N, C-alpha and C. Protein backbone atom coordinates (compact mmCIF):
# COMPACT_ATOMS: atom_id res chain seq x y z
N UNK A 1 56.43 81.49 129.09
CA UNK A 1 56.33 82.94 129.19
C UNK A 1 57.71 83.57 129.04
N UNK A 2 57.83 84.60 128.22
CA UNK A 2 59.10 85.28 128.04
C UNK A 2 59.45 86.09 129.29
N UNK A 3 60.71 86.09 129.62
CA UNK A 3 61.17 86.81 130.81
C UNK A 3 61.33 88.30 130.51
N UNK A 4 60.98 89.12 131.47
CA UNK A 4 61.23 90.57 131.36
C UNK A 4 62.21 91.03 132.44
N UNK A 5 62.96 90.05 132.99
CA UNK A 5 63.92 90.38 134.04
C UNK A 5 64.93 91.41 133.57
N UNK A 6 65.26 91.39 132.28
CA UNK A 6 66.25 92.34 131.76
C UNK A 6 65.79 93.79 131.94
N UNK A 7 64.47 94.02 131.96
CA UNK A 7 63.97 95.38 132.19
C UNK A 7 64.32 95.86 133.60
N UNK A 8 64.17 94.96 134.58
CA UNK A 8 64.51 95.32 135.96
C UNK A 8 66.02 95.47 136.12
N UNK A 9 66.77 94.63 135.40
CA UNK A 9 68.23 94.74 135.44
C UNK A 9 68.68 96.08 134.83
N UNK A 10 68.08 96.42 133.69
CA UNK A 10 68.40 97.70 133.04
C UNK A 10 68.06 98.87 133.95
N UNK A 11 66.90 98.79 134.59
CA UNK A 11 66.46 99.86 135.48
C UNK A 11 67.43 100.04 136.65
N UNK A 12 67.84 98.93 137.23
CA UNK A 12 68.76 98.99 138.37
C UNK A 12 70.09 99.61 137.94
N UNK A 13 70.59 99.20 136.77
CA UNK A 13 71.85 99.76 136.25
C UNK A 13 71.70 101.27 136.00
N UNK A 14 70.55 101.67 135.41
CA UNK A 14 70.29 103.08 135.13
C UNK A 14 70.27 103.90 136.42
N UNK A 15 69.54 103.40 137.44
CA UNK A 15 69.42 104.12 138.71
C UNK A 15 70.78 104.23 139.40
N UNK A 16 71.56 103.15 139.34
CA UNK A 16 72.89 103.19 139.94
C UNK A 16 73.79 104.21 139.23
N UNK A 17 73.70 104.25 137.91
CA UNK A 17 74.50 105.19 137.13
C UNK A 17 74.13 106.64 137.45
N UNK A 18 72.82 106.90 137.55
CA UNK A 18 72.35 108.26 137.90
C UNK A 18 72.85 108.64 139.30
N UNK A 19 72.74 107.72 140.25
CA UNK A 19 73.19 108.00 141.62
C UNK A 19 74.68 108.26 141.69
N UNK A 20 75.43 107.57 140.85
CA UNK A 20 76.88 107.77 140.81
C UNK A 20 77.20 109.17 140.30
N UNK A 21 76.46 109.61 139.29
CA UNK A 21 76.69 110.93 138.70
C UNK A 21 76.19 112.07 139.58
N UNK A 22 75.04 111.82 140.25
CA UNK A 22 74.43 112.86 141.10
C UNK A 22 73.68 112.19 142.25
N UNK A 23 74.32 112.06 143.41
CA UNK A 23 73.72 111.36 144.54
C UNK A 23 72.38 111.96 145.02
N UNK A 24 72.13 113.22 144.71
CA UNK A 24 70.89 113.86 145.16
C UNK A 24 69.80 113.87 144.09
N UNK A 25 70.06 113.27 142.93
CA UNK A 25 69.15 113.38 141.80
C UNK A 25 67.74 112.90 142.16
N UNK A 26 67.60 111.68 142.67
CA UNK A 26 66.27 111.14 142.93
C UNK A 26 65.59 111.83 144.11
N UNK A 27 66.37 112.26 145.10
CA UNK A 27 65.79 113.02 146.21
C UNK A 27 65.18 114.32 145.69
N UNK A 28 65.96 115.05 144.89
CA UNK A 28 65.46 116.31 144.35
C UNK A 28 64.29 116.10 143.40
N UNK A 29 64.38 115.06 142.57
CA UNK A 29 63.32 114.78 141.61
C UNK A 29 62.00 114.46 142.31
N UNK A 30 62.08 113.70 143.40
CA UNK A 30 60.85 113.28 144.09
C UNK A 30 60.17 114.41 144.83
N UNK A 31 60.88 115.50 145.07
CA UNK A 31 60.33 116.60 145.86
C UNK A 31 59.72 117.72 145.04
N UNK A 32 59.85 117.66 143.72
CA UNK A 32 59.28 118.74 142.92
C UNK A 32 59.05 118.30 141.49
N UNK A 33 58.00 118.88 140.89
CA UNK A 33 57.79 118.73 139.45
C UNK A 33 57.41 120.11 138.94
N UNK A 34 58.37 120.77 138.30
CA UNK A 34 58.13 122.11 137.77
C UNK A 34 58.62 122.22 136.34
N UNK A 35 58.12 121.37 135.46
CA UNK A 35 58.57 121.46 134.07
C UNK A 35 58.05 122.73 133.41
N UNK A 36 58.85 123.28 132.51
CA UNK A 36 58.41 124.45 131.75
C UNK A 36 57.78 124.04 130.42
N UNK A 37 57.85 122.75 130.10
CA UNK A 37 57.43 122.29 128.78
C UNK A 37 56.40 121.17 128.87
N UNK A 38 55.36 121.28 128.06
CA UNK A 38 54.45 120.16 127.81
C UNK A 38 54.73 119.69 126.39
N UNK A 39 54.98 118.42 126.23
CA UNK A 39 55.26 117.80 124.93
C UNK A 39 54.05 116.96 124.54
N UNK A 40 53.44 117.26 123.42
CA UNK A 40 52.37 116.43 122.87
C UNK A 40 52.95 115.78 121.62
N UNK A 41 53.26 114.50 121.72
CA UNK A 41 53.94 113.83 120.63
C UNK A 41 53.30 112.52 120.25
N UNK A 42 53.92 111.87 119.31
CA UNK A 42 53.44 110.58 118.82
C UNK A 42 53.87 109.46 119.78
N UNK A 43 53.09 108.39 119.81
CA UNK A 43 53.42 107.24 120.64
C UNK A 43 54.60 106.45 120.11
N UNK A 44 55.04 106.75 118.92
CA UNK A 44 56.14 106.02 118.28
C UNK A 44 57.34 105.92 119.22
N UNK A 45 57.83 104.70 119.43
CA UNK A 45 58.91 104.46 120.39
C UNK A 45 60.24 105.06 119.95
N UNK A 46 60.33 105.50 118.70
CA UNK A 46 61.58 106.09 118.20
C UNK A 46 61.69 107.59 118.48
N UNK A 47 60.67 108.15 119.15
CA UNK A 47 60.65 109.60 119.38
C UNK A 47 60.56 109.88 120.88
N UNK A 48 61.68 109.72 121.60
CA UNK A 48 61.68 109.93 123.05
C UNK A 48 61.86 111.41 123.40
N UNK A 49 60.84 112.01 123.93
CA UNK A 49 60.81 113.47 124.14
C UNK A 49 62.01 113.99 124.92
N UNK A 50 62.24 113.48 126.13
CA UNK A 50 63.32 114.00 126.97
C UNK A 50 64.67 113.88 126.29
N UNK A 51 64.94 112.69 125.72
CA UNK A 51 66.26 112.46 125.16
C UNK A 51 66.54 113.37 123.98
N UNK A 52 65.59 113.49 123.06
CA UNK A 52 65.88 114.29 121.86
C UNK A 52 65.95 115.78 122.16
N UNK A 53 65.38 116.20 123.28
CA UNK A 53 65.51 117.60 123.71
C UNK A 53 66.74 117.80 124.61
N UNK A 54 67.40 116.70 124.95
CA UNK A 54 68.57 116.79 125.83
C UNK A 54 68.20 117.19 127.24
N UNK A 55 67.02 116.73 127.71
CA UNK A 55 66.54 117.12 129.03
C UNK A 55 66.37 115.89 129.93
N UNK A 56 66.46 116.14 131.23
CA UNK A 56 66.38 115.07 132.22
C UNK A 56 64.94 114.81 132.63
N UNK A 57 64.67 113.68 133.28
CA UNK A 57 63.34 113.46 133.85
C UNK A 57 62.96 114.62 134.76
N UNK A 58 61.70 115.03 134.69
CA UNK A 58 61.23 116.15 135.51
C UNK A 58 61.22 117.47 134.77
N UNK A 59 61.84 117.51 133.59
CA UNK A 59 61.92 118.78 132.86
C UNK A 59 60.88 118.90 131.74
N UNK A 60 60.26 117.78 131.37
CA UNK A 60 59.25 117.81 130.30
C UNK A 60 58.05 116.98 130.74
N UNK A 61 56.88 117.58 130.72
CA UNK A 61 55.62 116.89 130.98
C UNK A 61 55.15 116.35 129.63
N UNK A 62 54.80 115.06 129.55
CA UNK A 62 54.61 114.42 128.25
C UNK A 62 53.24 113.78 128.10
N UNK A 63 52.64 114.03 126.93
CA UNK A 63 51.44 113.30 126.49
C UNK A 63 51.72 112.75 125.10
N UNK A 64 51.42 111.48 124.90
CA UNK A 64 51.67 110.87 123.59
C UNK A 64 50.45 110.09 123.13
N UNK A 65 50.19 110.14 121.85
CA UNK A 65 49.16 109.30 121.23
C UNK A 65 49.53 109.11 119.77
N UNK A 66 48.78 108.29 119.07
CA UNK A 66 49.11 108.01 117.68
C UNK A 66 48.95 109.27 116.84
N UNK A 67 50.04 109.65 116.19
CA UNK A 67 50.10 110.80 115.28
C UNK A 67 49.84 112.14 115.98
N UNK A 68 50.20 112.22 117.27
CA UNK A 68 50.17 113.47 118.03
C UNK A 68 48.91 114.32 117.79
N UNK A 69 47.77 113.70 118.05
CA UNK A 69 46.49 114.36 117.82
C UNK A 69 46.02 115.13 119.05
N UNK A 70 45.38 116.27 118.81
CA UNK A 70 44.70 117.02 119.87
C UNK A 70 43.26 117.16 119.42
N UNK A 71 42.42 116.33 120.00
CA UNK A 71 41.02 116.24 119.59
C UNK A 71 40.16 116.79 120.71
N UNK A 72 39.23 117.65 120.36
CA UNK A 72 38.48 118.38 121.39
C UNK A 72 37.56 117.51 122.24
N UNK A 73 37.36 116.26 121.84
CA UNK A 73 36.56 115.35 122.67
C UNK A 73 37.43 114.35 123.43
N UNK A 74 38.74 114.46 123.32
CA UNK A 74 39.68 113.54 123.98
C UNK A 74 39.99 114.06 125.39
N UNK A 75 39.26 113.53 126.37
CA UNK A 75 39.41 114.02 127.73
C UNK A 75 40.78 113.71 128.32
N UNK A 76 41.42 112.66 127.83
CA UNK A 76 42.76 112.34 128.29
C UNK A 76 43.72 113.47 127.93
N UNK A 77 43.77 113.80 126.66
CA UNK A 77 44.66 114.87 126.20
C UNK A 77 44.30 116.21 126.84
N UNK A 78 43.02 116.53 126.86
CA UNK A 78 42.59 117.80 127.44
C UNK A 78 42.94 117.90 128.92
N UNK A 79 42.83 116.78 129.63
CA UNK A 79 43.18 116.77 131.06
C UNK A 79 44.67 117.04 131.26
N UNK A 80 45.48 116.46 130.39
CA UNK A 80 46.93 116.70 130.46
C UNK A 80 47.23 118.18 130.20
N UNK A 81 46.60 118.75 129.17
CA UNK A 81 46.82 120.16 128.86
C UNK A 81 46.37 121.04 130.02
N UNK A 82 45.20 120.74 130.57
CA UNK A 82 44.67 121.54 131.68
C UNK A 82 45.59 121.49 132.90
N UNK A 83 46.06 120.29 133.24
CA UNK A 83 46.97 120.15 134.38
C UNK A 83 48.27 120.91 134.12
N UNK A 84 48.80 120.77 132.90
CA UNK A 84 50.06 121.43 132.56
C UNK A 84 49.94 122.95 132.63
N UNK A 85 48.82 123.48 132.11
CA UNK A 85 48.65 124.93 132.05
C UNK A 85 48.21 125.51 133.39
N UNK A 86 47.20 124.91 134.00
CA UNK A 86 46.60 125.49 135.20
C UNK A 86 47.34 125.16 136.49
N UNK A 87 47.95 123.98 136.55
CA UNK A 87 48.61 123.56 137.79
C UNK A 87 50.13 123.71 137.69
N UNK A 88 50.72 123.13 136.64
CA UNK A 88 52.18 123.19 136.50
C UNK A 88 52.67 124.53 135.97
N UNK A 89 51.76 125.28 135.32
CA UNK A 89 52.10 126.59 134.75
C UNK A 89 53.25 126.49 133.74
N UNK A 90 53.16 125.52 132.85
CA UNK A 90 54.20 125.40 131.82
C UNK A 90 54.24 126.67 130.99
N UNK A 91 55.41 126.95 130.45
CA UNK A 91 55.59 128.14 129.62
C UNK A 91 55.46 127.82 128.13
N UNK A 92 55.67 126.54 127.79
CA UNK A 92 55.67 126.14 126.38
C UNK A 92 54.93 124.82 126.20
N UNK A 93 54.08 124.77 125.18
CA UNK A 93 53.45 123.52 124.77
C UNK A 93 53.97 123.21 123.37
N UNK A 94 54.61 122.06 123.25
CA UNK A 94 55.19 121.65 121.97
C UNK A 94 54.37 120.51 121.39
N UNK A 95 53.79 120.75 120.21
CA UNK A 95 53.17 119.65 119.46
C UNK A 95 54.24 119.18 118.48
N UNK A 96 54.63 117.91 118.59
CA UNK A 96 55.71 117.41 117.75
C UNK A 96 55.29 116.16 116.99
N UNK A 97 55.30 116.27 115.67
CA UNK A 97 55.11 115.11 114.82
C UNK A 97 56.47 114.59 114.38
N UNK A 98 56.46 113.56 113.55
CA UNK A 98 57.73 113.06 113.03
C UNK A 98 57.53 112.49 111.64
N UNK A 99 58.53 112.69 110.80
CA UNK A 99 58.51 112.11 109.46
C UNK A 99 58.57 110.58 109.60
N UNK A 100 57.88 109.90 108.69
CA UNK A 100 57.83 108.44 108.76
C UNK A 100 56.81 107.94 109.77
N UNK A 101 55.83 108.78 110.11
CA UNK A 101 54.80 108.41 111.09
C UNK A 101 53.84 107.38 110.50
N UNK A 102 53.71 106.24 111.16
CA UNK A 102 52.81 105.19 110.70
C UNK A 102 51.36 105.61 110.68
N UNK A 103 50.96 106.43 111.63
CA UNK A 103 49.57 106.91 111.66
C UNK A 103 49.24 107.78 110.48
N UNK A 104 50.17 108.66 110.12
CA UNK A 104 49.99 109.53 108.95
C UNK A 104 49.88 108.68 107.69
N UNK A 105 50.79 107.73 107.55
CA UNK A 105 50.80 106.86 106.38
C UNK A 105 49.52 106.02 106.30
N UNK A 106 49.11 105.44 107.42
CA UNK A 106 47.91 104.59 107.44
C UNK A 106 46.65 105.37 107.11
N UNK A 107 46.65 106.67 107.44
CA UNK A 107 45.45 107.48 107.17
C UNK A 107 45.18 107.62 105.68
N UNK A 108 46.22 107.45 104.86
CA UNK A 108 46.05 107.57 103.41
C UNK A 108 45.82 106.23 102.73
N UNK A 109 45.93 105.14 103.48
CA UNK A 109 45.67 103.81 102.91
C UNK A 109 44.18 103.58 102.74
N UNK A 110 43.84 102.70 101.85
CA UNK A 110 42.44 102.30 101.69
C UNK A 110 42.13 101.05 102.50
N UNK A 111 43.01 100.70 103.42
CA UNK A 111 42.83 99.50 104.24
C UNK A 111 42.09 99.84 105.53
N UNK A 112 41.52 98.82 106.13
CA UNK A 112 40.91 98.97 107.45
C UNK A 112 41.85 98.38 108.48
N UNK A 113 42.10 99.14 109.55
CA UNK A 113 42.99 98.68 110.61
C UNK A 113 42.24 98.38 111.90
N UNK A 114 40.92 98.47 111.86
CA UNK A 114 40.13 98.19 113.06
C UNK A 114 39.77 99.46 113.80
N UNK A 115 39.78 99.37 115.11
CA UNK A 115 39.36 100.49 115.96
C UNK A 115 40.10 101.78 115.65
N UNK A 116 41.39 101.66 115.33
CA UNK A 116 42.19 102.86 115.08
C UNK A 116 41.70 103.66 113.88
N UNK A 117 40.88 103.04 113.00
CA UNK A 117 40.34 103.78 111.86
C UNK A 117 39.59 105.03 112.31
N UNK A 118 38.92 104.93 113.46
CA UNK A 118 38.19 106.08 113.99
C UNK A 118 39.14 107.23 114.34
N UNK A 119 40.29 106.88 114.88
CA UNK A 119 41.30 107.87 115.24
C UNK A 119 41.92 108.50 113.99
N UNK A 120 42.18 107.64 113.00
CA UNK A 120 42.82 108.10 111.77
C UNK A 120 41.93 109.04 110.96
N UNK A 121 40.62 109.01 111.21
CA UNK A 121 39.71 109.92 110.49
C UNK A 121 40.08 111.38 110.73
N UNK A 122 40.65 111.67 111.89
CA UNK A 122 41.06 113.05 112.17
C UNK A 122 42.19 113.49 111.25
N UNK A 123 43.08 112.56 110.91
CA UNK A 123 44.16 112.89 109.97
C UNK A 123 43.59 113.00 108.56
N UNK A 124 42.61 112.15 108.24
CA UNK A 124 41.94 112.25 106.94
C UNK A 124 41.28 113.63 106.79
N UNK A 125 40.79 114.17 107.90
CA UNK A 125 40.22 115.53 107.87
C UNK A 125 41.29 116.56 107.53
N UNK A 126 42.49 116.39 108.09
CA UNK A 126 43.59 117.30 107.78
C UNK A 126 43.89 117.23 106.28
N UNK A 127 43.89 116.01 105.74
CA UNK A 127 44.11 115.85 104.30
C UNK A 127 43.03 116.58 103.51
N UNK A 128 41.79 116.42 103.96
CA UNK A 128 40.66 117.06 103.26
C UNK A 128 40.78 118.59 103.29
N UNK A 129 41.19 119.13 104.43
CA UNK A 129 41.35 120.59 104.55
C UNK A 129 42.40 121.13 103.59
N UNK A 130 43.41 120.32 103.28
CA UNK A 130 44.56 120.76 102.49
C UNK A 130 44.73 119.94 101.21
N UNK A 131 43.62 119.40 100.72
CA UNK A 131 43.66 118.47 99.58
C UNK A 131 44.36 119.05 98.36
N UNK A 132 44.04 120.27 98.00
CA UNK A 132 44.64 120.89 96.81
C UNK A 132 46.16 120.97 96.93
N UNK A 133 46.62 121.43 98.09
CA UNK A 133 48.06 121.56 98.33
C UNK A 133 48.75 120.19 98.32
N UNK A 134 48.13 119.20 98.96
CA UNK A 134 48.73 117.87 99.04
C UNK A 134 48.71 117.15 97.71
N UNK A 135 47.62 117.28 96.98
CA UNK A 135 47.51 116.60 95.68
C UNK A 135 48.47 117.18 94.64
N UNK A 136 48.96 118.38 94.90
CA UNK A 136 49.92 119.00 93.97
C UNK A 136 51.33 118.41 94.12
N UNK A 137 51.53 117.60 95.17
CA UNK A 137 52.84 116.97 95.41
C UNK A 137 52.81 115.57 94.82
N UNK A 138 53.58 115.35 93.76
CA UNK A 138 53.56 114.08 93.03
C UNK A 138 54.27 112.96 93.78
N UNK A 139 55.38 113.29 94.44
CA UNK A 139 56.17 112.28 95.13
C UNK A 139 55.49 111.87 96.43
N UNK A 140 55.22 110.58 96.61
CA UNK A 140 54.47 110.08 97.76
C UNK A 140 55.19 110.36 99.08
N UNK A 141 56.51 110.18 99.09
CA UNK A 141 57.27 110.44 100.32
C UNK A 141 57.17 111.90 100.73
N UNK A 142 57.31 112.80 99.76
CA UNK A 142 57.21 114.24 100.04
C UNK A 142 55.78 114.62 100.46
N UNK A 143 54.80 113.95 99.87
CA UNK A 143 53.41 114.21 100.23
C UNK A 143 53.16 113.82 101.69
N UNK A 144 53.71 112.67 102.10
CA UNK A 144 53.55 112.23 103.49
C UNK A 144 54.26 113.18 104.45
N UNK A 145 55.43 113.69 104.05
CA UNK A 145 56.14 114.67 104.89
C UNK A 145 55.31 115.93 105.05
N UNK A 146 54.72 116.39 103.95
CA UNK A 146 53.89 117.59 104.01
C UNK A 146 52.67 117.36 104.89
N UNK A 147 52.04 116.20 104.75
CA UNK A 147 50.87 115.88 105.59
C UNK A 147 51.27 115.85 107.06
N UNK A 148 52.46 115.32 107.34
CA UNK A 148 52.98 115.32 108.71
C UNK A 148 53.04 116.74 109.26
N UNK A 149 53.59 117.65 108.46
CA UNK A 149 53.72 119.05 108.88
C UNK A 149 52.36 119.72 109.03
N UNK A 150 51.48 119.49 108.06
CA UNK A 150 50.15 120.10 108.13
C UNK A 150 49.36 119.57 109.32
N UNK A 151 49.55 118.30 109.64
CA UNK A 151 48.88 117.72 110.80
C UNK A 151 49.34 118.42 112.08
N UNK A 152 50.65 118.66 112.21
CA UNK A 152 51.15 119.37 113.39
C UNK A 152 50.55 120.77 113.46
N UNK A 153 50.52 121.47 112.33
CA UNK A 153 49.97 122.83 112.30
C UNK A 153 48.51 122.83 112.74
N UNK A 154 47.74 121.85 112.28
CA UNK A 154 46.33 121.76 112.69
C UNK A 154 46.20 121.46 114.19
N UNK A 155 47.11 120.65 114.71
CA UNK A 155 47.05 120.32 116.14
C UNK A 155 47.46 121.52 117.00
N UNK A 156 48.39 122.33 116.50
CA UNK A 156 48.73 123.57 117.20
C UNK A 156 47.48 124.46 117.29
N UNK A 157 46.74 124.52 116.18
CA UNK A 157 45.49 125.30 116.17
C UNK A 157 44.49 124.70 117.15
N UNK A 158 44.42 123.37 117.21
CA UNK A 158 43.48 122.72 118.13
C UNK A 158 43.84 123.01 119.59
N UNK A 159 45.12 122.96 119.92
CA UNK A 159 45.54 123.30 121.29
C UNK A 159 45.17 124.75 121.59
N UNK A 160 45.46 125.62 120.64
CA UNK A 160 45.28 127.06 120.85
C UNK A 160 43.83 127.47 120.98
N UNK A 161 42.92 126.65 120.49
CA UNK A 161 41.49 127.00 120.57
C UNK A 161 40.76 126.23 121.67
N UNK A 162 41.49 125.48 122.49
CA UNK A 162 40.83 124.86 123.64
C UNK A 162 40.44 125.96 124.62
N UNK A 163 39.42 125.69 125.40
CA UNK A 163 39.02 126.66 126.43
C UNK A 163 40.14 126.85 127.45
N UNK A 164 40.96 125.82 127.61
CA UNK A 164 42.08 125.91 128.57
C UNK A 164 43.04 127.02 128.17
N UNK A 165 43.44 127.03 126.90
CA UNK A 165 44.39 128.05 126.45
C UNK A 165 43.75 129.41 126.30
N UNK A 166 42.53 129.47 125.77
CA UNK A 166 41.90 130.78 125.60
C UNK A 166 41.69 131.47 126.94
N UNK A 167 41.33 130.69 127.97
CA UNK A 167 41.16 131.28 129.30
C UNK A 167 42.51 131.68 129.90
N UNK A 168 43.53 130.85 129.68
CA UNK A 168 44.86 131.19 130.20
C UNK A 168 45.35 132.50 129.58
N UNK A 169 45.15 132.65 128.28
CA UNK A 169 45.59 133.87 127.61
C UNK A 169 44.73 135.07 128.02
N UNK A 170 43.45 134.84 128.29
CA UNK A 170 42.59 135.92 128.78
C UNK A 170 43.12 136.49 130.10
N UNK A 171 43.69 135.61 130.93
CA UNK A 171 44.23 136.09 132.21
C UNK A 171 45.71 136.43 132.11
N UNK A 172 46.20 136.56 130.86
CA UNK A 172 47.57 137.00 130.57
C UNK A 172 48.64 136.02 131.04
N UNK A 173 48.29 134.74 131.07
CA UNK A 173 49.29 133.73 131.44
C UNK A 173 50.30 133.57 130.30
N UNK A 174 51.55 133.45 130.68
CA UNK A 174 52.65 133.34 129.73
C UNK A 174 52.82 131.89 129.28
N UNK A 175 52.17 131.51 128.18
CA UNK A 175 52.31 130.16 127.64
C UNK A 175 52.23 130.24 126.12
N UNK A 176 53.17 129.59 125.45
CA UNK A 176 53.26 129.62 123.99
C UNK A 176 53.12 128.21 123.45
N UNK A 177 52.37 128.07 122.36
CA UNK A 177 52.20 126.78 121.69
C UNK A 177 53.08 126.76 120.44
N UNK A 178 53.84 125.67 120.28
CA UNK A 178 54.78 125.54 119.17
C UNK A 178 54.47 124.29 118.34
N UNK A 179 54.90 124.28 117.09
CA UNK A 179 54.78 123.10 116.23
C UNK A 179 56.13 122.69 115.68
N UNK A 180 56.54 121.45 116.00
CA UNK A 180 57.82 120.91 115.53
C UNK A 180 57.58 119.60 114.78
N UNK A 181 58.54 119.24 113.93
CA UNK A 181 58.58 117.91 113.33
C UNK A 181 59.97 117.34 113.55
N UNK A 182 60.01 116.08 113.96
CA UNK A 182 61.27 115.39 114.24
C UNK A 182 61.64 114.50 113.05
N UNK A 183 62.90 114.56 112.65
CA UNK A 183 63.38 113.75 111.54
C UNK A 183 64.10 112.51 112.09
N UNK A 184 63.51 111.34 111.88
CA UNK A 184 64.10 110.10 112.39
C UNK A 184 65.46 109.81 111.77
N UNK A 185 65.73 110.35 110.58
CA UNK A 185 66.95 110.01 109.86
C UNK A 185 68.19 110.75 110.36
N UNK A 186 67.98 111.91 111.00
CA UNK A 186 69.15 112.63 111.50
C UNK A 186 68.98 113.14 112.94
N UNK A 187 67.80 112.92 113.52
CA UNK A 187 67.58 113.32 114.91
C UNK A 187 67.33 114.80 115.12
N UNK A 188 67.10 115.54 114.04
CA UNK A 188 66.97 117.00 114.14
C UNK A 188 65.50 117.42 114.13
N UNK A 189 65.19 118.39 114.98
CA UNK A 189 63.85 118.98 115.03
C UNK A 189 63.72 120.11 114.02
N UNK A 190 62.57 120.21 113.38
CA UNK A 190 62.27 121.33 112.48
C UNK A 190 61.18 122.17 113.12
N UNK A 191 61.44 123.46 113.27
CA UNK A 191 60.45 124.40 113.79
C UNK A 191 59.56 124.83 112.62
N UNK A 192 58.27 124.58 112.73
CA UNK A 192 57.34 124.93 111.65
C UNK A 192 56.93 126.40 111.68
N UNK A 193 57.47 127.16 112.62
CA UNK A 193 57.24 128.62 112.70
C UNK A 193 55.76 128.98 112.81
N UNK A 194 55.06 128.24 113.65
CA UNK A 194 53.63 128.52 113.87
C UNK A 194 53.35 128.80 115.35
N UNK A 195 54.36 129.26 116.07
CA UNK A 195 54.19 129.51 117.50
C UNK A 195 53.11 130.55 117.76
N UNK A 196 52.32 130.28 118.78
CA UNK A 196 51.19 131.11 119.14
C UNK A 196 51.21 131.39 120.63
N UNK A 197 51.01 132.65 121.03
CA UNK A 197 51.09 132.96 122.44
C UNK A 197 49.95 133.85 122.93
N UNK A 198 48.84 133.84 122.19
CA UNK A 198 47.70 134.65 122.62
C UNK A 198 46.50 134.41 121.75
N UNK A 199 45.35 134.91 122.19
CA UNK A 199 44.10 134.69 121.45
C UNK A 199 44.05 135.41 120.11
N UNK A 200 44.92 136.38 119.91
CA UNK A 200 44.94 137.06 118.62
C UNK A 200 45.55 136.21 117.52
């Protein structure tokens, strides 16, 4: 069996370093969770929400799944959104995709990947909704980038049409949904300019 002791060693070093920098950090962290941001991102290990936003633990509430999907029958994702909006009162919900997403790429393959094929069908739907626009892009890499962006835009729409958000906006709660894409090659976020803050 392979050892995972290095994970515990890394954790101990990390905790010691944090304590050295701020002796009250863990005490304060354990006593409150008041993030202003909910991050709905991809499970890809190269896209760490807190780090790329330059934020500490406790500042971002995070939900991740393959290709940052918001599906109206996914009780896991919906429960996270509901808790973030109704209990934590987050001010911003960020749906963030990333260029080079394996889920996006796999959705366009003619291969079968097993159970995940059911999940990828939702991305295939995004392709179908925007087929004319996507088929007009000859370069495969650029087409995948565009599909990445369109997928985020569709997920922003999906978040915005949940009963959770429509009810929050009906009661004039201050919460805005945003769509970003992260570039793995330079670490920079792109704002897709689709922010929504009300039922209109």
